[in-house]
Amino acid sequence: MGWNQLVALQNDPLLTGIVAGDCVYFVHTFRCGSGCGNAATTEYGAPISAVARRGNFWCTQFHPECSARVGARILENFLRLH
């Protein structure tokens, strides 16, 4: 829980304008391990999925609405996709 850095694994339109070291806010303690479909990970004792994508479906393990400027940028990017 708390602020963790994003590590982008692939160039994804949801992450446009997000740079190495940008932090987002995780509110819960459950986690999804890293695997295929990951667009970004974070480190929480081990690499875990932070952003996943399959086709035109995206999910975030963190709360963009609680993630200040970085979260606002991700939400803005999402709105531009549709």
PDB file of N, CA and C in Angstrom:
ATOM      1  N   MET A   1       0.844  -1.173   0.000  1.00  0.00           N
ATOM      2  CA  MET A   1       0.000   0.000   0.000  1.00  0.00           C
ATOM      3  C   MET A   1       0.893   1.241   0.000  1.00  0.00           C
ATOM      4  N   GLY A   2       0.407   2.290  -0.629  1.00  0.00           N
ATOM      5  CA  GLY A   2       1.157   3.533  -0.677  1.00  0.00           C
ATOM      6  C   GLY A   2       1.640   3.851  -2.080  1.00  0.00           C
ATOM      7  N   TRP A   3       2.607   4.744  -2.152  1.00  0.00           N
ATOM      8  CA  TRP A   3       3.140   5.215  -3.435  1.00  0.00           C
ATOM      9  C   TRP A   3       4.240   4.281  -3.919  1.00  0.00           C
ATOM     10  N   ASN A   4       4.112   3.823  -5.161  1.00  0.00           N
ATOM     11  CA  ASN A   4       5.125   2.972  -5.779  1.00  0.00           C
ATOM     12  C   ASN A   4       5.412   3.474  -7.186  1.00  0.00           C
ATOM     13  N   GLN A   5       6.628   3.241  -7.638  1.00  0.00           N
ATOM     14  CA  GLN A   5       7.046   3.663  -8.972  1.00  0.00           C
ATOM     15  C   GLN A   5       6.559   2.701 -10.037  1.00  0.00           C
ATOM     16  N   LEU A   6       6.167   3.276 -11.175  1.00  0.00           N
ATOM     17  CA  LEU A   6       5.809   2.467 -12.344  1.00  0.00           C
ATOM     18  C   LEU A   6       7.049   2.159 -13.159  1.00  0.00           C
ATOM     19  N   VAL A   7       7.098   0.939 -13.674  1.00  0.00           N
ATOM     20  CA  VAL A   7       8.145   0.523 -14.598  1.00  0.00           C
ATOM     21  C   VAL A   7       7.431   0.074 -15.870  1.00  0.00           C
ATOM     22  N   ALA A   8       7.510   0.885 -16.921  1.00  0.00           N
ATOM     23  CA  ALA A   8       6.836   0.544 -18.180  1.00  0.00           C
ATOM     24  C   ALA A   8       7.572  -0.604 -18.853  1.00  0.00           C
ATOM     25  N   LEU A   9       6.813  -1.596 -19.311  1.00  0.00           N
ATOM     26  CA  LEU A   9       7.386  -2.745 -19.996  1.00  0.00           C
ATOM     27  C   LEU A   9       7.192  -2.661 -21.503  1.00  0.00           C
ATOM     28  N   GLN A  10       6.250  -1.861 -21.914  1.00  0.00           N
ATOM     29  CA  GLN A  10       5.978  -1.719 -23.335  1.00  0.00           C
ATOM     30  C   GLN A  10       5.447  -0.324 -23.604  1.00  0.00           C
ATOM     31  N   ASN A  11       5.594   0.093 -24.840  1.00  0.00           N
ATOM     32  CA  ASN A  11       5.070   1.387 -25.250  1.00  0.00           C
ATOM     33  C   ASN A  11       3.556   1.226 -25.401  1.00  0.00           C
ATOM     34  N   ASP A  12       2.792   1.853 -24.517  1.00  0.00           N
ATOM     35  CA  ASP A  12       1.342   1.706 -24.531  1.00  0.00           C
ATOM     36  C   ASP A  12       0.705   3.090 -24.491  1.00  0.00           C
ATOM     37  N   PRO A  13      -0.346   3.323 -25.277  1.00  0.00           N
ATOM     38  CA  PRO A  13      -0.963   4.653 -25.300  1.00  0.00           C
ATOM     39  C   PRO A  13      -1.508   5.097 -23.944  1.00  0.00           C
ATOM     40  N   LEU A  14      -1.840   4.179 -23.062  1.00  0.00           N
ATOM     41  CA  LEU A  14      -2.316   4.559 -21.734  1.00  0.00           C
ATOM     42  C   LEU A  14      -1.204   5.213 -20.913  1.00  0.00           C
ATOM     43  N   LEU A  15       0.043   4.909 -21.264  1.00  0.00           N
ATOM     44  CA  LEU A  15       1.185   5.407 -20.505  1.00  0.00           C
ATOM     45  C   LEU A  15       1.899   6.574 -21.188  1.00  0.00           C
ATOM     46  N   THR A  16       1.291   7.164 -22.198  1.00  0.00           N
ATOM     47  CA  THR A  16       1.885   8.314 -22.869  1.00  0.00           C
ATOM     48  C   THR A  16       2.131   9.427 -21.860  1.00  0.00           C
ATOM     49  N   GLY A  17       3.341   9.961 -21.854  1.00  0.00           N
ATOM     50  CA  GLY A  17       3.683  11.042 -20.943  1.00  0.00           C
ATOM     51  C   GLY A  17       4.104  10.595 -19.556  1.00  0.00           C
ATOM     52  N   ILE A  18       4.069   9.297 -19.297  1.00  0.00           N
ATOM     53  CA  ILE A  18       4.517   8.754 -18.019  1.00  0.00           C
ATOM     54  C   ILE A  18       5.985   8.397 -18.170  1.00  0.00           C
ATOM     55  N   VAL A  19       6.806   8.840 -17.241  1.00  0.00           N
ATOM     56  CA  VAL A  19       8.248   8.610 -17.350  1.00  0.00           C
ATOM     57  C   VAL A  19       8.730   7.716 -16.214  1.00  0.00           C
ATOM     58  N   ALA A  20       9.901   7.131 -16.420  1.00  0.00           N
ATOM     59  CA  ALA A  20      10.498   6.259 -15.407  1.00  0.00           C
ATOM     60  C   ALA A  20      10.564   6.990 -14.076  1.00  0.00           C
ATOM     61  N   GLY A  21      10.128   6.325 -13.041  1.00  0.00           N
ATOM     62  CA  GLY A  21      10.162   6.896 -11.705  1.00  0.00           C
ATOM     63  C   GLY A  21       8.863   7.563 -11.270  1.00  0.00           C
ATOM     64  N   ASP A  22       7.915   7.751 -12.201  1.00  0.00           N
ATOM     65  CA  ASP A  22       6.622   8.313 -11.812  1.00  0.00           C
ATOM     66  C   ASP A  22       5.933   7.354 -10.834  1.00  0.00           C
ATOM     67  N   CYS A  23       5.321   7.919  -9.819  1.00  0.00           N
ATOM     68  CA  CYS A  23       4.682   7.115  -8.775  1.00  0.00           C
ATOM     69  C   CYS A  23       3.165   7.197  -8.853  1.00  0.00           C
ATOM     70  N   VAL A  24       2.514   6.101  -8.475  1.00  0.00           N
ATOM     71  CA  VAL A  24       1.056   6.023  -8.387  1.00  0.00           C
ATOM     72  C   VAL A  24       0.700   5.429  -7.035  1.00  0.00           C
ATOM     73  N   TYR A  25      -0.577   5.584  -6.655  1.00  0.00           N
ATOM     74  CA  TYR A  25      -0.996   5.212  -5.304  1.00  0.00           C
ATOM     75  C   TYR A  25      -1.780   3.904  -5.292  1.00  0.00           C
ATOM     76  N   PHE A  26      -1.264   2.943  -4.546  1.00  0.00           N
ATOM     77  CA  PHE A  26      -1.905   1.647  -4.342  1.00  0.00           C
ATOM     78  C   PHE A  26      -2.602   1.686  -2.986  1.00  0.00           C
ATOM     79  N   VAL A  27      -3.896   1.310  -2.935  1.00  0.00           N
ATOM     80  CA  VAL A  27      -4.685   1.450  -1.713  1.00  0.00           C
ATOM     81  C   VAL A  27      -4.909   0.109  -1.012  1.00  0.00           C
ATOM     82  N   HIS A  28      -4.601  -0.980  -1.632  1.00  0.00           N
ATOM     83  CA  HIS A  28      -4.911  -2.293  -1.065  1.00  0.00           C
ATOM     84  C   HIS A  28      -3.652  -3.143  -1.002  1.00  0.00           C
ATOM     85  N   THR A  29      -3.759  -4.268  -0.339  1.00  0.00           N
ATOM     86  CA  THR A  29      -2.586  -5.119  -0.169  1.00  0.00           C
ATOM     87  C   THR A  29      -2.601  -6.363  -1.049  1.00  0.00           C
ATOM     88  N   PHE A  30      -3.703  -6.625  -1.769  1.00  0.00           N
ATOM     89  CA  PHE A  30      -3.652  -7.794  -2.651  1.00  0.00           C
ATOM     90  C   PHE A  30      -2.878  -7.420  -3.900  1.00  0.00           C
ATOM     91  N   ARG A  31      -2.391  -8.435  -4.588  1.00  0.00           N
ATOM     92  CA  ARG A  31      -1.596  -8.150  -5.775  1.00  0.00           C
ATOM     93  C   ARG A  31      -1.747  -9.247  -6.803  1.00  0.00           C
ATOM     94  N   CYS A  32      -1.516  -8.854  -8.013  1.00  0.00           N
ATOM     95  CA  CYS A  32      -1.523  -9.773  -9.147  1.00  0.00           C
ATOM     96  C   CYS A  32      -0.088  -9.883  -9.623  1.00  0.00           C
ATOM     97  N   GLY A  33       0.421 -11.087  -9.712  1.00  0.00           N
ATOM     98  CA  GLY A  33       1.791 -11.283 -10.169  1.00  0.00           C
ATOM     99  C   GLY A  33       1.997 -10.781 -11.583  1.00  0.00           C
ATOM    100  N   SER A  34       3.231 -10.542 -11.931  1.00  0.00           N
ATOM    101  CA  SER A  34       3.518 -10.081 -13.287  1.00  0.00           C
ATOM    102  C   SER A  34       3.373 -11.254 -14.250  1.00  0.00           C
ATOM    103  N   GLY A  35       2.933 -10.959 -15.449  1.00  0.00           N
ATOM    104  CA  GLY A  35       2.726 -11.991 -16.457  1.00  0.00           C
ATOM    105  C   GLY A  35       2.485 -11.356 -17.806  1.00  0.00           C
ATOM    106  N   CYS A  36       2.031 -12.149 -18.754  1.00  0.00           N
ATOM    107  CA  CYS A  36       1.796 -11.608 -20.077  1.00  0.00           C
ATOM    108  C   CYS A  36       0.650 -10.602 -20.032  1.00  0.00           C
ATOM    109  N   GLY A  37       0.720  -9.632 -20.880  1.00  0.00           N
ATOM    110  CA  GLY A  37      -0.285  -8.582 -20.902  1.00  0.00           C
ATOM    111  C   GLY A  37       0.086  -7.375 -20.063  1.00  0.00           C
ATOM    112  N   ASN A  38       1.176  -7.454 -19.322  1.00  0.00           N
ATOM    113  CA  ASN A  38       1.580  -6.330 -18.493  1.00  0.00           C
ATOM    114  C   ASN A  38       2.130  -5.199 -19.348  1.00  0.00           C
ATOM    115  N   ALA A  39       1.613  -4.015 -19.140  1.00  0.00           N
ATOM    116  CA  ALA A  39       2.158  -2.815 -19.771  1.00  0.00           C
ATOM    117  C   ALA A  39       3.113  -2.119 -18.810  1.00  0.00           C
ATOM    118  N   ALA A  40       2.918  -2.314 -17.500  1.00  0.00           N
ATOM    119  CA  ALA A  40       3.795  -1.731 -16.481  1.00  0.00           C
ATOM    120  C   ALA A  40       3.735  -2.577 -15.217  1.00  0.00           C
ATOM    121  N   THR A  41       4.828  -2.568 -14.499  1.00  0.00           N
ATOM    122  CA  THR A  41       4.896  -3.271 -13.218  1.00  0.00           C
ATOM    123  C   THR A  41       5.329  -2.281 -12.139  1.00  0.00           C
ATOM    124  N   THR A  42       5.333  -2.764 -10.911  1.00  0.00           N
ATOM    125  CA  THR A  42       5.927  -2.053  -9.790  1.00  0.00           C
ATOM    126  C   THR A  42       6.588  -3.104  -8.921  1.00  0.00           C
ATOM    127  N   GLU A  43       7.425  -2.659  -8.017  1.00  0.00           N
ATOM    128  CA  GLU A  43       8.115  -3.576  -7.114  1.00  0.00           C
ATOM    129  C   GLU A  43       7.438  -3.510  -5.749  1.00  0.00           C
ATOM    130  N   TYR A  44       7.009  -4.656  -5.247  1.00  0.00           N
ATOM    131  CA  TYR A  44       6.411  -4.732  -3.914  1.00  0.00           C
ATOM    132  C   TYR A  44       6.854  -6.058  -3.294  1.00  0.00           C
ATOM    133  N   GLY A  45       8.139  -6.140  -3.000  1.00  0.00           N
ATOM    134  CA  GLY A  45       8.731  -7.394  -2.546  1.00  0.00           C
ATOM    135  C   GLY A  45       9.109  -8.285  -3.706  1.00  0.00           C
ATOM    136  N   ALA A  46       8.424  -8.130  -4.802  1.00  0.00           N
ATOM    137  CA  ALA A  46       8.669  -8.818  -6.069  1.00  0.00           C
ATOM    138  C   ALA A  46       7.954  -7.998  -7.138  1.00  0.00           C
ATOM    139  N   PRO A  47       8.312  -8.162  -8.409  1.00  0.00           N
ATOM    140  CA  PRO A  47       7.583  -7.421  -9.442  1.00  0.00           C
ATOM    141  C   PRO A  47       6.119  -7.860  -9.485  1.00  0.00           C
ATOM    142  N   ILE A  48       5.207  -6.891  -9.500  1.00  0.00           N
ATOM    143  CA  ILE A  48       3.778  -7.184  -9.635  1.00  0.00           C
ATOM    144  C   ILE A  48       3.204  -6.326 -10.751  1.00  0.00           C
ATOM    145  N   SER A  49       2.105  -6.763 -11.284  1.00  0.00           N
ATOM    146  CA  SER A  49       1.436  -6.040 -12.347  1.00  0.00           C
ATOM    147  C   SER A  49       0.871  -4.729 -11.826  1.00  0.00           C
ATOM    148  N   ALA A  50       1.102  -3.633 -12.563  1.00  0.00           N
ATOM    149  CA  ALA A  50       0.520  -2.339 -12.217  1.00  0.00           C
ATOM    150  C   ALA A  50      -0.490  -1.912 -13.277  1.00  0.00           C
ATOM    151  N   VAL A  51      -0.172  -2.196 -14.544  1.00  0.00           N
ATOM    152  CA  VAL A  51      -1.076  -1.916 -15.670  1.00  0.00           C
ATOM    153  C   VAL A  51      -1.054  -3.130 -16.575  1.00  0.00           C
ATOM    154  N   ALA A  52      -2.209  -3.645 -16.916  1.00  0.00           N
ATOM    155  CA  ALA A  52      -2.310  -4.783 -17.827  1.00  0.00           C
ATOM    156  C   ALA A  52      -3.235  -4.414 -18.974  1.00  0.00           C
ATOM    157  N   ARG A  53      -2.971  -5.021 -20.110  1.00  0.00           N
ATOM    158  CA  ARG A  53      -3.785  -4.767 -21.301  1.00  0.00           C
ATOM    159  C   ARG A  53      -3.946  -6.047 -22.099  1.00  0.00           C
ATOM    160  N   ARG A  54      -5.158  -6.198 -22.604  1.00  0.00           N
ATOM    161  CA  ARG A  54      -5.435  -7.258 -23.569  1.00  0.00           C
ATOM    162  C   ARG A  54      -6.405  -6.668 -24.579  1.00  0.00           C
ATOM    163  N   GLY A  55      -5.943  -6.491 -25.812  1.00  0.00           N
ATOM    164  CA  GLY A  55      -6.773  -5.863 -26.833  1.00  0.00           C
ATOM    165  C   GLY A  55      -7.118  -4.448 -26.436  1.00  0.00           C
ATOM    166  N   ASN A  56      -8.421  -4.154 -26.388  1.00  0.00           N
ATOM    167  CA  ASN A  56      -8.835  -2.805 -25.998  1.00  0.00           C
ATOM    168  C   ASN A  56      -9.346  -2.760 -24.548  1.00  0.00           C
ATOM    169  N   PHE A  57      -8.882  -3.677 -23.709  1.00  0.00           N
ATOM    170  CA  PHE A  57      -9.205  -3.686 -22.284  1.00  0.00           C
ATOM    171  C   PHE A  57      -7.940  -3.373 -21.485  1.00  0.00           C
ATOM    172  N   TRP A  58      -8.041  -2.414 -20.577  1.00  0.00           N
ATOM    173  CA  TRP A  58      -6.946  -2.052 -19.690  1.00  0.00           C
ATOM    174  C   TRP A  58      -7.411  -2.189 -18.255  1.00  0.00           C
ATOM    175  N   CYS A  59      -6.485  -2.493 -17.370  1.00  0.00           N
ATOM    176  CA  CYS A  59      -6.782  -2.446 -15.947  1.00  0.00           C
ATOM    177  C   CYS A  59      -5.551  -1.920 -15.222  1.00  0.00           C
ATOM    178  N   THR A  60      -5.792  -1.270 -14.106  1.00  0.00           N
ATOM    179  CA  THR A  60      -4.700  -0.800 -13.270  1.00  0.00           C
ATOM    180  C   THR A  60      -4.857  -1.407 -11.884  1.00  0.00           C
ATOM    181  N   GLN A  61      -3.752  -1.758 -11.291  1.00  0.00           N
ATOM    182  CA  GLN A  61      -3.759  -2.321  -9.946  1.00  0.00           C
ATOM    183  C   GLN A  61      -3.801  -1.192  -8.908  1.00  0.00           C
ATOM    184  N   PHE A  62      -3.472   0.014  -9.321  1.00  0.00           N
ATOM    185  CA  PHE A  62      -3.465   1.186  -8.453  1.00  0.00           C
ATOM    186  C   PHE A  62      -4.712   2.021  -8.713  1.00  0.00           C
ATOM    187  N   HIS A  63      -4.881   3.073  -7.960  1.00  0.00           N
ATOM    188  CA  HIS A  63      -6.030   3.958  -8.119  1.00  0.00           C
ATOM    189  C   HIS A  63      -5.592   5.242  -8.818  1.00  0.00           C
ATOM    190  N   PRO A  64      -5.894   5.394 -10.106  1.00  0.00           N
ATOM    191  CA  PRO A  64      -5.471   6.611 -10.799  1.00  0.00           C
ATOM    192  C   PRO A  64      -6.096   7.871 -10.201  1.00  0.00           C
ATOM    193  N   GLU A  65      -7.311   7.782  -9.702  1.00  0.00           N
ATOM    194  CA  GLU A  65      -7.980   8.967  -9.150  1.00  0.00           C
ATOM    195  C   GLU A  65      -7.315   9.446  -7.859  1.00  0.00           C
ATOM    196  N   CYS A  66      -6.488   8.625  -7.243  1.00  0.00           N
ATOM    197  CA  CYS A  66      -5.760   9.006  -6.028  1.00  0.00           C
ATOM    198  C   CYS A  66      -4.278   9.260  -6.302  1.00  0.00           C
ATOM    199  N   SER A  67      -3.899   9.247  -7.570  1.00  0.00           N
ATOM    200  CA  SER A  67      -2.481   9.277  -7.940  1.00  0.00           C
ATOM    201  C   SER A  67      -2.014  10.614  -8.502  1.00  0.00           C
ATOM    202  N   ALA A  68      -2.634  11.699  -8.074  1.00  0.00           N
ATOM    203  CA  ALA A  68      -2.196  13.060  -8.402  1.00  0.00           C
ATOM    204  C   ALA A  68      -1.999  13.258  -9.908  1.00  0.00           C
ATOM    205  N   ARG A  69      -0.938  13.972 -10.275  1.00  0.00           N
ATOM    206  CA  ARG A  69      -0.685  14.343 -11.668  1.00  0.00           C
ATOM    207  C   ARG A  69      -0.546  13.123 -12.574  1.00  0.00           C
ATOM    208  N   VAL A  70       0.145  12.095 -12.111  1.00  0.00           N
ATOM    209  CA  VAL A  70       0.360  10.905 -12.937  1.00  0.00           C
ATOM    210  C   VAL A  70      -0.969  10.199 -13.205  1.00  0.00           C
ATOM    211  N   GLY A  71      -1.785  10.051 -12.185  1.00  0.00           N
ATOM    212  CA  GLY A  71      -3.094   9.426 -12.352  1.00  0.00           C
ATOM    213  C   GLY A  71      -3.995  10.224 -13.270  1.00  0.00           C
ATOM    214  N   ALA A  72      -3.955  11.549 -13.146  1.00  0.00           N
ATOM    215  CA  ALA A  72      -4.752  12.403 -14.032  1.00  0.00           C
ATOM    216  C   ALA A  72      -4.317  12.231 -15.478  1.00  0.00           C
ATOM    217  N   ARG A  73      -3.018  12.090 -15.706  1.00  0.00           N
ATOM    218  CA  ARG A  73      -2.516  11.892 -17.073  1.00  0.00           C
ATOM    219  C   ARG A  73      -2.987  10.546 -17.623  1.00  0.00           C
ATOM    220  N   ILE A  74      -2.963   9.508 -16.822  1.00  0.00           N
ATOM    221  CA  ILE A  74      -3.419   8.191 -17.264  1.00  0.00           C
ATOM    222  C   ILE A  74      -4.908   8.230 -17.606  1.00  0.00           C
ATOM    223  N   LEU A  75      -5.709   8.890 -16.775  1.00  0.00           N
ATOM    224  CA  LEU A  75      -7.140   9.011 -17.065  1.00  0.00           C
ATOM    225  C   LEU A  75      -7.370   9.825 -18.340  1.00  0.00           C
ATOM    226  N   GLU A  76      -6.599  10.892 -18.521  1.00  0.00           N
ATOM    227  CA  GLU A  76      -6.687  11.693 -19.748  1.00  0.00           C
ATOM    228  C   GLU A  76      -6.330  10.844 -20.965  1.00  0.00           C
ATOM    229  N   ASN A  77      -5.278  10.052 -20.864  1.00  0.00           N
ATOM    230  CA  ASN A  77      -4.890   9.159 -21.961  1.00  0.00           C
ATOM    231  C   ASN A  77      -6.012   8.177 -22.279  1.00  0.00           C
ATOM    232  N   PHE A  78      -6.643   7.631 -21.240  1.00  0.00           N
ATOM    233  CA  PHE A  78      -7.735   6.681 -21.450  1.00  0.00           C
ATOM    234  C   PHE A  78      -8.891   7.326 -22.207  1.00  0.00           C
ATOM    235  N   LEU A  79      -9.246   8.546 -21.830  1.00  0.00           N
ATOM    236  CA  LEU A  79     -10.341   9.234 -22.505  1.00  0.00           C
ATOM    237  C   LEU A  79     -10.024   9.497 -23.973  1.00  0.00           C
ATOM    238  N   ARG A  80      -8.771   9.690 -24.290  1.00  0.00           N
ATOM    239  CA  ARG A  80      -8.370   9.924 -25.690  1.00  0.00           C
ATOM    240  C   ARG A  80      -8.442   8.644 -26.523  1.00  0.00           C
ATOM    241  N   LEU A  81      -8.447   7.508 -25.879  1.00  0.00           N
ATOM    242  CA  LEU A  81      -8.484   6.221 -26.606  1.00  0.00           C
ATOM    243  C   LEU A  81      -9.853   5.915 -27.161  1.00  0.00           C
ATOM    244  N   HIS A  82     -10.898   6.515 -26.605  1.00  0.00           N
ATOM    245  CA  HIS A  82     -12.265   6.133 -26.973  1.00  0.00           C
ATOM    246  C   HIS A  82     -13.011   7.253 -27.626  1.00  0.00           C
TER     247      HIS A  82
END
